[in-house]
Amino acid sequence: MDWDNLRFFLELSRAGRLTTAARRLGVDHTTVSRRVQALEKNLGVALFLRDTSGYTLTEAGRSLLPQVELMEGASVRIEQALPNPGDSLSGQVRIGATEGYGTMVAAQLGELSQRHPHLNLDLLALPRAVRLSRHEADIVITLERPERGPFIITKLSDYVLRLYAGRDYLEQHGPINSRADLEKHRFVSYVDDLVFSKDLLFLDEIAGSGAVGVRSTSVLAQQEAIAAGAGLGILPAFTADQDPRLQLIMPAQIRFIRTFWMLMPIELKDIARMRVTWDFLREQAERERGRLMGRETIVTEDNRT
């Protein structure tokens, strides 16, 4: 028996689709199919039922699965016992994140890639929810904590959002010192019926807010529009505070706190490359806690007074 074929069996049992298993293994989908067929031929039994919805385990496959998982666990423990276990990490990890947080993750992944040069990292930074249930990613960073599901879930970090305007815009329209002043201005915000989380609808909470002139599904597009003078808008401090074109407006009066959650399917938790990536993302979130909470901005504003 080619024991390596069991690794392909394990990934396909978890993914349910050839293309997803192939991506996680870093091979072509035809390789996964060929390897699984070779294993079935060697064992003399069918391990999967194949239909248009994907691959599901047969009774024989379900009987084999726990034995292969034991082998995988033993392999992980061997890796941990090596002097430099990280050097042996390989394969693919796909990370899904909100568009804004994805910009931060993109800057961090260079460090992880340098630590583990054989690790292939995909980053899906999208203005929509990336769904584990559809096997779109292996690890997901999202705004909404699922109430149920076969996931490992951790609170990654709280983060702060504040009101911003373009510096050129303020020179033309004058200072904004109170909520009453907001009635004179237009806003940049999300397209209400396309927003992927209700936690991103802020303007109703700003008393006396004016009309929305520009809407976008993309928070980065909103930031560009605000910087170009299209109006005022609520932005995450961790992106907006890095933009010299923007000015923070009424930081003491207008402040929203939201939470990033990180999820991973339970069946991936003992795969070394997944666990290392998971721990790395948690470490980076902790390191960037001050930026996420906008503390650098508060210090700057305090120093001006």
C-alpha atoms as a PDB file:
ATOM      1  CA  MET A   1       0.000   0.000   0.000  1.00  0.00           C
ATOM      2  CA  ASP A   2       1.150   3.521  -0.835  1.00  0.00           C
ATOM      3  CA  TRP A   3       0.602   5.236   2.509  1.00  0.00           C
ATOM      4  CA  ASP A   4       0.721   8.657   0.875  1.00  0.00           C
ATOM      5  CA  ASN A   5      -2.589   7.830  -0.821  1.00  0.00           C
ATOM      6  CA  LEU A   6      -4.214   7.945   2.614  1.00  0.00           C
ATOM      7  CA  ARG A   7      -3.373  11.639   2.840  1.00  0.00           C
ATOM      8  CA  PHE A   8      -5.385  12.257  -0.332  1.00  0.00           C
ATOM      9  CA  PHE A   9      -8.235  10.176   1.036  1.00  0.00           C
ATOM     10  CA  LEU A  10      -8.259  12.242   4.236  1.00  0.00           C
ATOM     11  CA  GLU A  11      -8.337  15.608   2.484  1.00  0.00           C
ATOM     12  CA  LEU A  12     -11.111  14.518   0.096  1.00  0.00           C
ATOM     13  CA  SER A  13     -13.189  13.175   2.997  1.00  0.00           C
ATOM     14  CA  ARG A  14     -12.950  16.604   4.646  1.00  0.00           C
ATOM     15  CA  ALA A  15     -13.386  18.760   1.568  1.00  0.00           C
ATOM     16  CA  GLY A  16     -16.081  16.771  -0.214  1.00  0.00           C
ATOM     17  CA  ARG A  17     -14.857  18.111  -3.568  1.00  0.00           C
ATOM     18  CA  LEU A  18     -11.851  17.248  -5.711  1.00  0.00           C
ATOM     19  CA  THR A  19     -10.990  20.872  -6.435  1.00  0.00           C
ATOM     20  CA  THR A  20     -11.018  21.880  -2.765  1.00  0.00           C
ATOM     21  CA  ALA A  21      -8.945  18.875  -1.700  1.00  0.00           C
ATOM     22  CA  ALA A  22      -6.514  19.547  -4.541  1.00  0.00           C
ATOM     23  CA  ARG A  23      -6.089  23.169  -3.476  1.00  0.00           C
ATOM     24  CA  ARG A  24      -5.362  22.188   0.116  1.00  0.00           C
ATOM     25  CA  LEU A  25      -2.815  19.608  -1.032  1.00  0.00           C
ATOM     26  CA  GLY A  26      -1.239  21.878  -3.614  1.00  0.00           C
ATOM     27  CA  VAL A  27      -1.822  19.486  -6.523  1.00  0.00           C
ATOM     28  CA  ASP A  28      -4.083  19.143  -9.550  1.00  0.00           C
ATOM     29  CA  HIS A  29      -7.575  17.687  -8.990  1.00  0.00           C
ATOM     30  CA  THR A  30      -6.754  14.817 -11.354  1.00  0.00           C
ATOM     31  CA  THR A  31      -3.953  13.796  -8.984  1.00  0.00           C
ATOM     32  CA  VAL A  32      -6.400  13.561  -6.083  1.00  0.00           C
ATOM     33  CA  SER A  33      -8.780  11.448  -8.158  1.00  0.00           C
ATOM     34  CA  ARG A  34      -5.996   9.147  -9.334  1.00  0.00           C
ATOM     35  CA  ARG A  35      -4.608   8.689  -5.819  1.00  0.00           C
ATOM     36  CA  VAL A  36      -7.997   7.881  -4.306  1.00  0.00           C
ATOM     37  CA  GLN A  37      -8.790   5.444  -7.089  1.00  0.00           C
ATOM     38  CA  ALA A  38      -5.434   3.735  -6.511  1.00  0.00           C
ATOM     39  CA  LEU A  39      -6.243   3.395  -2.798  1.00  0.00           C
ATOM     40  CA  GLU A  40      -9.678   1.951  -3.542  1.00  0.00           C
ATOM     41  CA  LYS A  41      -8.151  -0.535  -5.980  1.00  0.00           C
ATOM     42  CA  ASN A  42      -5.551  -1.569  -3.420  1.00  0.00           C
ATOM     43  CA  LEU A  43      -8.170  -2.063  -0.688  1.00  0.00           C
ATOM     44  CA  GLY A  44     -10.721  -3.631  -3.005  1.00  0.00           C
ATOM     45  CA  VAL A  45     -13.587  -1.401  -1.794  1.00  0.00           C
ATOM     46  CA  ALA A  46     -15.215   1.861  -2.807  1.00  0.00           C
ATOM     47  CA  LEU A  47     -14.456   4.602  -0.284  1.00  0.00           C
ATOM     48  CA  PHE A  48     -16.594   7.379  -1.772  1.00  0.00           C
ATOM     49  CA  LEU A  49     -19.971   7.869  -3.375  1.00  0.00           C
ATOM     50  CA  ARG A  50     -19.637  10.273  -6.291  1.00  0.00           C
ATOM     51  CA  ASP A  51     -22.456  12.516  -7.518  1.00  0.00           C
ATOM     52  CA  THR A  52     -23.029  16.050  -8.757  1.00  0.00           C
ATOM     53  CA  SER A  53     -22.921  17.467  -5.215  1.00  0.00           C
ATOM     54  CA  GLY A  54     -19.461  16.046  -4.514  1.00  0.00           C
ATOM     55  CA  TYR A  55     -17.901  13.106  -2.676  1.00  0.00           C
ATOM     56  CA  THR A  56     -19.356  11.419   0.408  1.00  0.00           C
ATOM     57  CA  LEU A  57     -17.901   8.493   2.321  1.00  0.00           C
ATOM     58  CA  THR A  58     -19.240   4.984   1.904  1.00  0.00           C
ATOM     59  CA  GLU A  59     -19.562   2.703   4.915  1.00  0.00           C
ATOM     60  CA  ALA A  60     -16.063   1.398   4.182  1.00  0.00           C
ATOM     61  CA  GLY A  61     -14.776   4.966   3.954  1.00  0.00           C
ATOM     62  CA  ARG A  62     -16.349   5.867   7.299  1.00  0.00           C
ATOM     63  CA  SER A  63     -14.674   2.826   8.876  1.00  0.00           C
ATOM     64  CA  LEU A  64     -11.287   3.790   7.454  1.00  0.00           C
ATOM     65  CA  LEU A  65     -11.454   7.478   8.389  1.00  0.00           C
ATOM     66  CA  PRO A  66     -10.728   7.267  12.152  1.00  0.00           C
ATOM     67  CA  GLN A  67      -7.731   5.023  11.522  1.00  0.00           C
ATOM     68  CA  VAL A  68      -6.262   7.503   9.050  1.00  0.00           C
ATOM     69  CA  GLU A  69      -6.914  10.354  11.478  1.00  0.00           C
ATOM     70  CA  LEU A  70      -4.904   8.471  14.109  1.00  0.00           C
ATOM     71  CA  MET A  71      -2.052   8.240  11.625  1.00  0.00           C
ATOM     72  CA  GLU A  72      -2.312  11.947  10.933  1.00  0.00           C
ATOM     73  CA  GLY A  73      -2.194  12.708  14.669  1.00  0.00           C
ATOM     74  CA  ALA A  74       0.932  10.605  15.029  1.00  0.00           C
ATOM     75  CA  SER A  75       2.495  12.486  12.128  1.00  0.00           C
ATOM     76  CA  VAL A  76       1.752  15.835  13.794  1.00  0.00           C
ATOM     77  CA  ARG A  77       3.337  14.657  17.041  1.00  0.00           C
ATOM     78  CA  ILE A  78       6.448  13.577  15.145  1.00  0.00           C
ATOM     79  CA  GLU A  79       6.666  17.030  13.536  1.00  0.00           C
ATOM     80  CA  GLN A  80       6.386  18.663  16.943  1.00  0.00           C
ATOM     81  CA  ALA A  81       9.205  16.502  18.291  1.00  0.00           C
ATOM     82  CA  LEU A  82      11.634  17.571  15.553  1.00  0.00           C
ATOM     83  CA  PRO A  83      14.247  20.244  16.405  1.00  0.00           C
ATOM     84  CA  ASN A  84      12.862  22.566  13.694  1.00  0.00           C
ATOM     85  CA  PRO A  85       9.309  21.407  13.020  1.00  0.00           C
ATOM     86  CA  GLY A  86       8.368  24.584  11.177  1.00  0.00           C
ATOM     87  CA  ASP A  87      10.871  23.890   8.393  1.00  0.00           C
ATOM     88  CA  SER A  88       8.865  20.817   7.344  1.00  0.00           C
ATOM     89  CA  LEU A  89       5.579  22.684   6.873  1.00  0.00           C
ATOM     90  CA  SER A  90       4.241  22.571   3.339  1.00  0.00           C
ATOM     91  CA  GLY A  91       0.946  22.652   1.476  1.00  0.00           C
ATOM     92  CA  GLN A  92      -1.660  25.325   0.976  1.00  0.00           C
ATOM     93  CA  VAL A  93      -3.683  27.414   3.426  1.00  0.00           C
ATOM     94  CA  ARG A  94      -6.459  29.699   2.198  1.00  0.00           C
ATOM     95  CA  ILE A  95      -7.380  32.590   4.484  1.00  0.00           C
ATOM     96  CA  GLY A  96     -10.623  34.506   4.041  1.00  0.00           C
ATOM     97  CA  ALA A  97     -10.949  37.949   5.603  1.00  0.00           C
ATOM     98  CA  THR A  98     -13.019  41.097   5.415  1.00  0.00           C
ATOM     99  CA  GLU A  99     -11.650  43.508   2.845  1.00  0.00           C
ATOM    100  CA  GLY A 100     -10.352  46.007   5.398  1.00  0.00           C
ATOM    101  CA  TYR A 101      -8.724  43.480   7.729  1.00  0.00           C
ATOM    102  CA  GLY A 102      -7.358  41.676   4.689  1.00  0.00           C
ATOM    103  CA  THR A 103      -5.113  44.666   3.972  1.00  0.00           C
ATOM    104  CA  MET A 104      -3.536  44.174   7.384  1.00  0.00           C
ATOM    105  CA  VAL A 105      -3.185  40.400   6.928  1.00  0.00           C
ATOM    106  CA  ALA A 106      -1.551  40.928   3.527  1.00  0.00           C
ATOM    107  CA  ALA A 107       1.234  42.912   5.175  1.00  0.00           C
ATOM    108  CA  GLN A 108       1.707  40.169   7.793  1.00  0.00           C
ATOM    109  CA  LEU A 109       1.867  37.131   5.526  1.00  0.00           C
ATOM    110  CA  GLY A 110       5.349  37.974   4.296  1.00  0.00           C
ATOM    111  CA  GLU A 111       6.668  37.147   7.759  1.00  0.00           C
ATOM    112  CA  LEU A 112       4.817  33.815   7.840  1.00  0.00           C
ATOM    113  CA  SER A 113       6.079  32.973   4.352  1.00  0.00           C
ATOM    114  CA  GLN A 114       9.650  33.682   5.404  1.00  0.00           C
ATOM    115  CA  ARG A 115       9.282  31.423   8.440  1.00  0.00           C
ATOM    116  CA  HIS A 116       7.844  28.589   6.334  1.00  0.00           C
ATOM    117  CA  PRO A 117       9.015  28.973   2.724  1.00  0.00           C
ATOM    118  CA  HIS A 118       7.264  25.783   1.573  1.00  0.00           C
ATOM    119  CA  LEU A 119       3.873  26.997   2.770  1.00  0.00           C
ATOM    120  CA  ASN A 120       1.556  28.323   0.039  1.00  0.00           C
ATOM    121  CA  LEU A 121      -0.757  31.061   1.304  1.00  0.00           C
ATOM    122  CA  ASP A 122      -3.939  32.301  -0.398  1.00  0.00           C
ATOM    123  CA  LEU A 123      -5.631  35.455   0.909  1.00  0.00           C
ATOM    124  CA  LEU A 124      -9.257  36.173   0.015  1.00  0.00           C
ATOM    125  CA  ALA A 125      -9.805  39.803   1.103  1.00  0.00           C
ATOM    126  CA  LEU A 126     -13.385  40.409  -0.004  1.00  0.00           C
ATOM    127  CA  PRO A 127     -16.210  42.885   0.685  1.00  0.00           C
ATOM    128  CA  ARG A 128     -18.482  39.973   1.551  1.00  0.00           C
ATOM    129  CA  ALA A 129     -18.607  37.038   3.947  1.00  0.00           C
ATOM    130  CA  VAL A 130     -16.280  34.145   3.043  1.00  0.00           C
ATOM    131  CA  ARG A 131     -18.106  30.911   3.882  1.00  0.00           C
ATOM    132  CA  LEU A 132     -16.456  27.890   5.477  1.00  0.00           C
ATOM    133  CA  SER A 133     -19.557  25.830   4.762  1.00  0.00           C
ATOM    134  CA  ARG A 134     -18.874  26.210   1.040  1.00  0.00           C
ATOM    135  CA  HIS A 135     -15.174  25.358   1.462  1.00  0.00           C
ATOM    136  CA  GLU A 136     -14.195  28.808   0.173  1.00  0.00           C
ATOM    137  CA  ALA A 137     -11.373  29.040   2.710  1.00  0.00           C
ATOM    138  CA  ASP A 138      -9.649  27.063   5.469  1.00  0.00           C
ATOM    139  CA  ILE A 139      -9.512  29.905   8.022  1.00  0.00           C
ATOM    140  CA  VAL A 140     -11.938  32.824   8.007  1.00  0.00           C
ATOM    141  CA  ILE A 141     -11.827  36.194   9.762  1.00  0.00           C
ATOM    142  CA  THR A 142     -15.315  37.658   9.951  1.00  0.00           C
ATOM    143  CA  LEU A 143     -17.505  40.158  11.766  1.00  0.00           C
ATOM    144  CA  GLU A 144     -20.296  37.806  12.761  1.00  0.00           C
ATOM    145  CA  ARG A 145     -19.843  34.916  15.165  1.00  0.00           C
ATOM    146  CA  PRO A 146     -21.792  31.877  13.957  1.00  0.00           C
ATOM    147  CA  GLU A 147     -24.259  30.509  16.469  1.00  0.00           C
ATOM    148  CA  ARG A 148     -23.659  26.918  15.451  1.00  0.00           C
ATOM    149  CA  GLY A 149     -21.511  24.768  13.224  1.00  0.00           C
ATOM    150  CA  PRO A 150     -18.562  22.369  13.370  1.00  0.00           C
ATOM    151  CA  PHE A 151     -16.053  25.184  13.809  1.00  0.00           C
ATOM    152  CA  ILE A 152     -13.298  26.254  16.143  1.00  0.00           C
ATOM    153  CA  ILE A 153     -14.029  29.888  16.982  1.00  0.00           C
ATOM    154  CA  THR A 154     -11.924  32.511  18.716  1.00  0.00           C
ATOM    155  CA  LYS A 155     -12.346  36.221  19.312  1.00  0.00           C
ATOM    156  CA  LEU A 156      -9.507  37.764  17.341  1.00  0.00           C
ATOM    157  CA  SER A 157      -9.878  41.380  18.447  1.00  0.00           C
ATOM    158  CA  ASP A 158     -12.203  44.298  18.937  1.00  0.00           C
ATOM    159  CA  TYR A 159     -11.603  47.266  16.649  1.00  0.00           C
ATOM    160  CA  VAL A 160     -12.703  50.892  16.492  1.00  0.00           C
ATOM    161  CA  LEU A 161     -14.423  52.826  13.710  1.00  0.00           C
ATOM    162  CA  ARG A 162     -14.643  56.617  13.652  1.00  0.00           C
ATOM    163  CA  LEU A 163     -15.871  59.499  11.528  1.00  0.00           C
ATOM    164  CA  TYR A 164     -13.478  60.912   8.911  1.00  0.00           C
ATOM    165  CA  ALA A 165     -13.369  63.579   6.239  1.00  0.00           C
ATOM    166  CA  GLY A 166     -10.870  64.525   3.574  1.00  0.00           C
ATOM    167  CA  ARG A 167      -8.503  67.303   4.645  1.00  0.00           C
ATOM    168  CA  ASP A 168      -9.191  69.247   1.434  1.00  0.00           C
ATOM    169  CA  TYR A 169     -12.918  68.799   2.030  1.00  0.00           C
ATOM    170  CA  LEU A 170     -12.657  70.379   5.487  1.00  0.00           C
ATOM    171  CA  GLU A 171     -10.694  73.327   4.118  1.00  0.00           C
ATOM    172  CA  GLN A 172     -13.581  74.015   1.748  1.00  0.00           C
ATOM    173  CA  HIS A 173     -16.474  73.371   4.154  1.00  0.00           C
ATOM    174  CA  GLY A 174     -15.067  74.503   7.480  1.00  0.00           C
ATOM    175  CA  PRO A 175     -14.667  72.703  10.827  1.00  0.00           C
ATOM    176  CA  ILE A 176     -17.129  70.191  12.274  1.00  0.00           C
ATOM    177  CA  ASN A 177     -17.450  70.549  16.028  1.00  0.00           C
ATOM    178  CA  SER A 178     -20.867  69.135  16.930  1.00  0.00           C
ATOM    179  CA  ARG A 179     -23.484  66.659  15.760  1.00  0.00           C
ATOM    180  CA  ALA A 180     -25.625  69.603  14.631  1.00  0.00           C
ATOM    181  CA  ASP A 181     -22.896  70.499  12.137  1.00  0.00           C
ATOM    182  CA  LEU A 182     -23.331  67.098  10.471  1.00  0.00           C
ATOM    183  CA  GLU A 183     -26.686  68.157   9.015  1.00  0.00           C
ATOM    184  CA  LYS A 184     -24.868  70.364   6.501  1.00  0.00           C
ATOM    185  CA  HIS A 185     -22.841  67.507   5.032  1.00  0.00           C
ATOM    186  CA  ARG A 186     -23.294  64.510   2.776  1.00  0.00           C
ATOM    187  CA  PHE A 187     -22.003  61.049   3.628  1.00  0.00           C
ATOM    188  CA  VAL A 188     -20.272  58.060   2.074  1.00  0.00           C
ATOM    189  CA  SER A 189     -21.537  54.660   3.193  1.00  0.00           C
ATOM    190  CA  TYR A 190     -22.443  51.083   2.258  1.00  0.00           C
ATOM    191  CA  VAL A 191     -25.131  49.997  -0.195  1.00  0.00           C
ATOM    192  CA  ASP A 192     -27.721  49.036   2.420  1.00  0.00           C
ATOM    193  CA  ASP A 193     -29.256  46.023   0.692  1.00  0.00           C
ATOM    194  CA  LEU A 194     -25.846  44.582  -0.247  1.00  0.00           C
ATOM    195  CA  VAL A 195     -24.013  45.030   3.052  1.00  0.00           C
ATOM    196  CA  PHE A 196     -22.682  41.683   4.268  1.00  0.00           C
ATOM    197  CA  SER A 197     -23.138  42.474   7.974  1.00  0.00           C
ATOM    198  CA  LYS A 198     -25.743  44.612   9.696  1.00  0.00           C
ATOM    199  CA  ASP A 199     -22.976  45.660  12.107  1.00  0.00           C
ATOM    200  CA  LEU A 200     -21.614  47.913   9.344  1.00  0.00           C
ATOM    201  CA  LEU A 201     -24.688  50.170   9.166  1.00  0.00           C
ATOM    202  CA  PHE A 202     -23.687  53.153  11.280  1.00  0.00           C
ATOM    203  CA  LEU A 203     -25.298  56.304   9.954  1.00  0.00           C
ATOM    204  CA  ASP A 204     -28.674  55.771  11.636  1.00  0.00           C
ATOM    205  CA  GLU A 205     -26.817  56.027  14.951  1.00  0.00           C
ATOM    206  CA  ILE A 206     -25.468  59.499  14.168  1.00  0.00           C
ATOM    207  CA  ALA A 207     -28.102  62.000  15.247  1.00  0.00           C
ATOM    208  CA  GLY A 208     -28.947  64.563  12.586  1.00  0.00           C
ATOM    209  CA  SER A 209     -26.835  62.933   9.895  1.00  0.00           C
ATOM    210  CA  GLY A 210     -27.292  64.197   6.353  1.00  0.00           C
ATOM    211  CA  ALA A 211     -27.995  62.398   3.100  1.00  0.00           C
ATOM    212  CA  VAL A 212     -25.760  59.717   1.625  1.00  0.00           C
ATOM    213  CA  GLY A 213     -24.234  60.879  -1.652  1.00  0.00           C
ATOM    214  CA  VAL A 214     -21.947  57.934  -2.481  1.00  0.00           C
ATOM    215  CA  ARG A 215     -22.459  54.269  -1.618  1.00  0.00           C
ATOM    216  CA  SER A 216     -20.151  51.322  -2.168  1.00  0.00           C
ATOM    217  CA  THR A 217     -19.934  47.675  -1.150  1.00  0.00           C
ATOM    218  CA  SER A 218     -16.188  48.228  -0.620  1.00  0.00           C
ATOM    219  CA  VAL A 219     -14.847  49.930   2.505  1.00  0.00           C
ATOM    220  CA  LEU A 220     -11.603  50.739   0.671  1.00  0.00           C
ATOM    221  CA  ALA A 221     -13.586  52.394  -2.127  1.00  0.00           C
ATOM    222  CA  GLN A 222     -15.458  54.385   0.524  1.00  0.00           C
ATOM    223  CA  GLN A 223     -12.137  55.507   1.975  1.00  0.00           C
ATOM    224  CA  GLU A 224     -11.013  56.715  -1.440  1.00  0.00           C
ATOM    225  CA  ALA A 225     -14.280  58.577  -1.972  1.00  0.00           C
ATOM    226  CA  ILE A 226     -14.023  60.269   1.445  1.00  0.00           C
ATOM    227  CA  ALA A 227     -10.407  61.265   0.807  1.00  0.00           C
ATOM    228  CA  ALA A 228     -11.456  62.722  -2.573  1.00  0.00           C
ATOM    229  CA  GLY A 229     -14.087  64.936  -0.934  1.00  0.00           C
ATOM    230  CA  ALA A 230     -17.320  63.045  -1.623  1.00  0.00           C
ATOM    231  CA  GLY A 231     -18.437  63.511   1.978  1.00  0.00           C
ATOM    232  CA  LEU A 232     -17.963  62.255   5.525  1.00  0.00           C
ATOM    233  CA  GLY A 233     -17.857  58.584   6.436  1.00  0.00           C
ATOM    234  CA  ILE A 234     -17.324  55.972   9.121  1.00  0.00           C
ATOM    235  CA  LEU A 235     -14.106  53.994   8.583  1.00  0.00           C
ATOM    236  CA  PRO A 236     -12.059  51.495  10.586  1.00  0.00           C
ATOM    237  CA  ALA A 237      -9.308  53.356  12.403  1.00  0.00           C
ATOM    238  CA  PHE A 238      -6.706  50.748  11.475  1.00  0.00           C
ATOM    239  CA  THR A 239      -6.943  51.743   7.785  1.00  0.00           C
ATOM    240  CA  ALA A 240      -8.055  55.375   7.981  1.00  0.00           C
ATOM    241  CA  ASP A 241      -5.442  56.479  10.511  1.00  0.00           C
ATOM    242  CA  GLN A 242      -2.722  55.428   8.070  1.00  0.00           C
ATOM    243  CA  ASP A 243      -4.102  57.722   5.332  1.00  0.00           C
ATOM    244  CA  PRO A 244      -2.621  61.259   5.487  1.00  0.00           C
ATOM    245  CA  ARG A 245      -5.449  62.584   3.284  1.00  0.00           C
ATOM    246  CA  LEU A 246      -8.009  61.998   6.040  1.00  0.00           C
ATOM    247  CA  GLN A 247      -8.893  63.976   9.161  1.00  0.00           C
ATOM    248  CA  LEU A 248     -10.525  62.433  12.227  1.00  0.00           C
ATOM    249  CA  ILE A 249     -13.801  64.155  13.177  1.00  0.00           C
ATOM    250  CA  MET A 250     -15.157  64.409  16.748  1.00  0.00           C
ATOM    251  CA  PRO A 251     -13.290  61.344  18.116  1.00  0.00           C
ATOM    252  CA  ALA A 252     -14.707  61.759  21.611  1.00  0.00           C
ATOM    253  CA  GLN A 253     -18.334  61.872  20.440  1.00  0.00           C
ATOM    254  CA  ILE A 254     -18.454  59.394  17.549  1.00  0.00           C
ATOM    255  CA  ARG A 255     -16.898  55.988  18.088  1.00  0.00           C
ATOM    256  CA  PHE A 256     -18.076  52.480  17.220  1.00  0.00           C
ATOM    257  CA  ILE A 257     -16.599  49.179  18.425  1.00  0.00           C
ATOM    258  CA  ARG A 258     -16.967  45.969  16.457  1.00  0.00           C
ATOM    259  CA  THR A 259     -15.343  42.528  16.764  1.00  0.00           C
ATOM    260  CA  PHE A 260     -13.354  40.275  14.448  1.00  0.00           C
ATOM    261  CA  TRP A 261     -13.878  36.532  14.918  1.00  0.00           C
ATOM    262  CA  MET A 262     -11.661  33.787  13.494  1.00  0.00           C
ATOM    263  CA  LEU A 263     -13.084  30.399  12.462  1.00  0.00           C
ATOM    264  CA  MET A 264     -11.716  27.094  11.240  1.00  0.00           C
ATOM    265  CA  PRO A 265     -13.458  23.753  10.594  1.00  0.00           C
ATOM    266  CA  ILE A 266     -12.894  21.336  13.459  1.00  0.00           C
ATOM    267  CA  GLU A 267     -11.553  18.675  11.104  1.00  0.00           C
ATOM    268  CA  LEU A 268      -8.599  20.914  10.174  1.00  0.00           C
ATOM    269  CA  LYS A 269      -7.456  21.690  13.716  1.00  0.00           C
ATOM    270  CA  ASP A 270      -4.776  18.971  13.900  1.00  0.00           C
ATOM    271  CA  ILE A 271      -3.201  19.723  10.530  1.00  0.00           C
ATOM    272  CA  ALA A 272       0.133  21.338  11.313  1.00  0.00           C
ATOM    273  CA  ARG A 273       0.048  24.033   8.625  1.00  0.00           C
ATOM    274  CA  MET A 274      -3.449  25.104   9.669  1.00  0.00           C
ATOM    275  CA  ARG A 275      -2.565  25.250  13.343  1.00  0.00           C
ATOM    276  CA  VAL A 276       0.617  27.264  12.683  1.00  0.00           C
ATOM    277  CA  THR A 277      -1.254  29.746  10.478  1.00  0.00           C
ATOM    278  CA  TRP A 278      -4.044  30.048  13.062  1.00  0.00           C
ATOM    279  CA  ASP A 279      -1.574  30.767  15.875  1.00  0.00           C
ATOM    280  CA  PHE A 280       0.312  33.263  13.701  1.00  0.00           C
ATOM    281  CA  LEU A 281      -2.849  35.247  12.923  1.00  0.00           C
ATOM    282  CA  ARG A 282      -3.742  35.376  16.619  1.00  0.00           C
ATOM    283  CA  GLU A 283      -0.250  36.612  17.496  1.00  0.00           C
ATOM    284  CA  GLN A 284      -0.414  39.302  14.832  1.00  0.00           C
ATOM    285  CA  ALA A 285      -3.833  40.496  15.993  1.00  0.00           C
ATOM    286  CA  GLU A 286      -2.484  40.866  19.516  1.00  0.00           C
ATOM    287  CA  ARG A 287       0.552  42.740  18.219  1.00  0.00           C
ATOM    288  CA  GLU A 288      -1.685  45.146  16.267  1.00  0.00           C
ATOM    289  CA  ARG A 289      -4.181  45.661  19.098  1.00  0.00           C
ATOM    290  CA  GLY A 290      -3.242  49.326  19.539  1.00  0.00           C
ATOM    291  CA  ARG A 291      -3.737  50.069  15.855  1.00  0.00           C
ATOM    292  CA  LEU A 292      -7.033  48.178  15.773  1.00  0.00           C
ATOM    293  CA  MET A 293      -8.341  50.154  18.723  1.00  0.00           C
ATOM    294  CA  GLY A 294      -7.158  53.484  17.342  1.00  0.00           C
ATOM    295  CA  ARG A 295      -4.928  54.241  20.325  1.00  0.00           C
ATOM    296  CA  GLU A 296      -2.246  55.833  18.163  1.00  0.00           C
ATOM    297  CA  THR A 297      -4.799  58.378  16.949  1.00  0.00           C
ATOM    298  CA  ILE A 298      -5.970  59.215  20.476  1.00  0.00           C
ATOM    299  CA  VAL A 299      -2.359  59.859  21.568  1.00  0.00           C
ATOM    300  CA  THR A 300      -1.805  62.096  18.536  1.00  0.00           C
ATOM    301  CA  GLU A 301      -4.971  64.065  19.166  1.00  0.00           C
ATOM    302  CA  ASP A 302      -4.152  64.460  22.843  1.00  0.00           C
ATOM    303  CA  ASN A 303      -0.669  65.737  22.014  1.00  0.00           C
ATOM    304  CA  ARG A 304      -2.132  68.489  19.815  1.00  0.00           C
ATOM    305  CA  THR A 305      -4.102  69.998  22.683  1.00  0.00           C
END
